[in-house]
N, C-alpha and C. Protein backbone atom coordinates (compact mmCIF):
# COMPACT_ATOMS: atom_id res chain seq x y z
N MET A 1 -14.96 -12.87 9.96
CA MET A 1 -15.03 -13.31 8.92
C MET A 1 -14.31 -14.51 8.12
N ARG A 2 -14.52 -15.45 7.25
CA ARG A 2 -14.08 -16.18 6.90
C ARG A 2 -12.53 -15.32 5.82
N SER A 3 -13.40 -15.02 5.22
CA SER A 3 -12.79 -13.96 3.80
C SER A 3 -11.65 -13.22 4.72
N GLU A 4 -11.91 -12.49 5.53
CA GLU A 4 -10.71 -12.05 6.45
C GLU A 4 -9.69 -12.65 6.77
N GLU A 5 -9.83 -13.90 7.48
CA GLU A 5 -9.23 -14.36 8.21
C GLU A 5 -8.14 -15.39 6.88
N ALA A 6 -8.59 -15.36 5.73
CA ALA A 6 -7.72 -15.72 4.84
C ALA A 6 -6.51 -14.67 4.33
N LEU A 7 -7.47 -13.18 4.47
CA LEU A 7 -6.28 -12.30 3.84
C LEU A 7 -5.15 -12.25 4.72
N TYR A 8 -5.63 -12.43 6.36
CA TYR A 8 -4.66 -12.39 7.58
C TYR A 8 -3.41 -13.23 7.54
N GLU A 9 -4.01 -14.53 7.31
CA GLU A 9 -3.15 -15.85 6.57
C GLU A 9 -2.08 -15.40 5.82
N GLN A 10 -2.48 -14.67 4.51
CA GLN A 10 -1.87 -14.43 3.74
C GLN A 10 -0.48 -13.32 3.78
N ILE A 11 -0.65 -12.10 4.61
CA ILE A 11 -0.34 -11.09 4.89
C ILE A 11 0.52 -11.80 6.15
N ASN A 12 0.24 -12.41 7.25
CA ASN A 12 0.84 -12.87 7.98
C ASN A 12 2.19 -14.15 7.21
N ALA A 13 1.80 -14.93 6.24
CA ALA A 13 2.84 -15.31 5.60
C ALA A 13 3.88 -14.64 4.65
N LEU A 14 3.46 -13.88 4.17
CA LEU A 14 4.40 -12.92 3.39
C LEU A 14 5.06 -12.19 4.76
N LEU A 15 4.91 -11.99 5.49
CA LEU A 15 5.54 -11.10 6.80
C LEU A 15 6.83 -12.40 7.31
N HIS A 16 6.34 -13.37 7.53
CA HIS A 16 7.24 -14.53 7.56
C HIS A 16 8.02 -14.78 6.58
N ALA A 17 7.67 -15.02 5.63
CA ALA A 17 8.74 -14.97 4.69
C ALA A 17 9.74 -13.84 4.59
N VAL A 18 9.44 -12.74 4.78
CA VAL A 18 10.16 -11.44 4.55
C VAL A 18 10.93 -11.56 5.81
N LYS A 19 11.06 -12.15 7.06
CA LYS A 19 11.77 -12.12 7.99
C LYS A 19 12.93 -13.04 7.74
N LYS A 20 12.61 -14.03 7.02
CA LYS A 20 13.46 -15.37 7.05
C LYS A 20 14.46 -14.81 5.84
N ASP A 21 14.41 -14.20 4.47
CA ASP A 21 14.71 -13.77 3.69
C ASP A 21 14.88 -12.20 2.92
N SER A 22 16.35 -12.27 3.28
CA SER A 22 16.68 -10.74 3.15
C SER A 22 16.55 -10.21 1.84
N LYS A 23 16.29 -10.93 0.89
CA LYS A 23 16.21 -10.48 -0.39
C LYS A 23 15.17 -9.96 -0.98
N LEU A 24 13.64 -11.06 -0.19
CA LEU A 24 12.67 -10.86 -0.26
C LEU A 24 12.26 -9.66 0.88
N LYS A 25 12.78 -9.32 1.56
CA LYS A 25 12.72 -8.25 2.46
C LYS A 25 13.44 -6.48 1.46
N ALA A 26 14.15 -6.66 0.99
CA ALA A 26 14.67 -6.05 0.23
C ALA A 26 13.99 -5.50 -0.82
N ILE A 27 13.11 -6.50 -1.56
CA ILE A 27 12.05 -6.01 -2.53
C ILE A 27 10.99 -5.58 -1.52
N ALA A 28 10.16 -6.32 -1.08
CA ALA A 28 8.98 -5.88 -0.17
C ALA A 28 9.27 -3.96 0.44
N THR A 29 10.41 -3.81 0.97
CA THR A 29 10.77 -2.52 1.12
C THR A 29 10.68 -1.84 -0.15
N ALA A 30 11.47 -1.77 -0.78
CA ALA A 30 11.58 -1.04 -2.14
C ALA A 30 9.78 -1.26 -2.64
N THR A 31 9.01 -1.85 -2.56
CA THR A 31 7.52 -2.09 -3.29
C THR A 31 7.05 -1.31 -1.70
N ALA A 32 7.17 -1.09 -1.16
CA ALA A 32 6.19 -0.17 0.20
C ALA A 32 6.33 1.34 -0.34
N ILE A 33 7.89 1.66 -0.26
CA ILE A 33 8.64 2.97 -0.54
C ILE A 33 7.50 3.24 -1.89
N GLY A 34 7.71 2.60 -2.68
CA GLY A 34 7.15 3.11 -4.06
C GLY A 34 5.67 2.89 -3.81
N VAL A 35 5.10 2.52 -3.56
CA VAL A 35 3.59 2.63 -2.94
C VAL A 35 3.39 3.99 -2.68
N ASP A 36 3.76 4.16 -1.59
CA ASP A 36 3.34 5.39 -0.34
C ASP A 36 3.88 6.57 -1.55
N LYS A 37 5.04 6.64 -2.23
CA LYS A 37 5.51 7.86 -3.21
C LYS A 37 4.37 7.82 -4.19
N ASN A 38 4.24 6.87 -4.50
CA ASN A 38 3.29 6.88 -5.65
C ASN A 38 1.89 7.06 -6.01
N TYR A 39 1.29 6.30 -4.71
CA TYR A 39 -0.07 6.34 -4.27
C TYR A 39 -0.43 7.00 -3.32
N ILE A 40 -0.06 6.80 -2.26
CA ILE A 40 -0.63 7.22 -1.04
C ILE A 40 -0.07 8.61 -0.81
N MET A 41 1.15 9.48 -0.72
CA MET A 41 1.63 10.55 -0.85
C MET A 41 0.50 11.27 -1.89
N PRO A 42 0.13 11.48 -2.98
CA PRO A 42 -0.83 12.11 -4.14
C PRO A 42 -2.36 12.16 -3.36
N LEU A 43 -2.63 11.10 -2.25
CA LEU A 43 -3.99 11.70 -1.90
C LEU A 43 -3.90 12.85 -1.08
N PHE A 44 -2.57 13.24 -0.52
CA PHE A 44 -2.53 14.38 0.44
C PHE A 44 -2.38 15.60 -0.45
N GLN A 45 -2.12 15.77 -1.24
CA GLN A 45 -2.07 16.89 -2.44
C GLN A 45 -3.60 17.53 -2.72
N PHE A 46 -4.18 18.30 -2.02
CA PHE A 46 -5.09 18.99 -2.52
C PHE A 46 -5.31 19.85 -3.25
N GLN A 47 -5.33 19.57 -4.56
CA GLN A 47 -4.71 20.30 -5.72
C GLN A 47 -6.15 20.71 -6.14
N ASN A 48 -7.30 19.66 -6.26
CA ASN A 48 -8.36 20.39 -7.01
C ASN A 48 -9.43 21.21 -6.16
N VAL A 49 -8.97 21.34 -4.74
CA VAL A 49 -9.80 21.94 -3.97
C VAL A 49 -10.49 23.03 -4.12
N GLY A 50 -11.42 23.57 -4.00
CA GLY A 50 -11.83 25.09 -4.60
C GLY A 50 -12.14 25.44 -5.81
N TYR A 51 -11.86 24.32 -7.10
CA TYR A 51 -11.92 24.84 -8.18
C TYR A 51 -13.40 24.13 -8.96
N PRO A 52 -14.30 25.10 -9.51
CA PRO A 52 -15.39 24.87 -10.13
C PRO A 52 -15.77 23.72 -11.05
N ILE A 53 -16.24 22.73 -10.71
CA ILE A 53 -16.80 21.72 -11.65
C ILE A 53 -17.58 21.74 -12.31
N LYS A 54 -17.72 21.63 -13.71
CA LYS A 54 -18.55 22.15 -14.51
C LYS A 54 -19.79 21.23 -14.26
N TYR A 55 -21.51 21.93 -14.28
CA TYR A 55 -22.61 20.93 -14.03
C TYR A 55 -22.57 20.14 -12.40
N ASN A 56 -21.97 21.05 -11.61
CA ASN A 56 -21.87 20.89 -10.14
C ASN A 56 -22.54 21.96 -9.12
């Protein structure tokens, strides 16, 4: 798909820029760690499993 190709081009451009610039690499690494901590890890915390939901 054409839209996928554009997305992959943008990702590859970012990865090439990160390889060349250590400051950009530090920012990208910190961002990836923050996203993992704040958005990905909570998806694996099944705190609401088993609780009854009203009208369910």
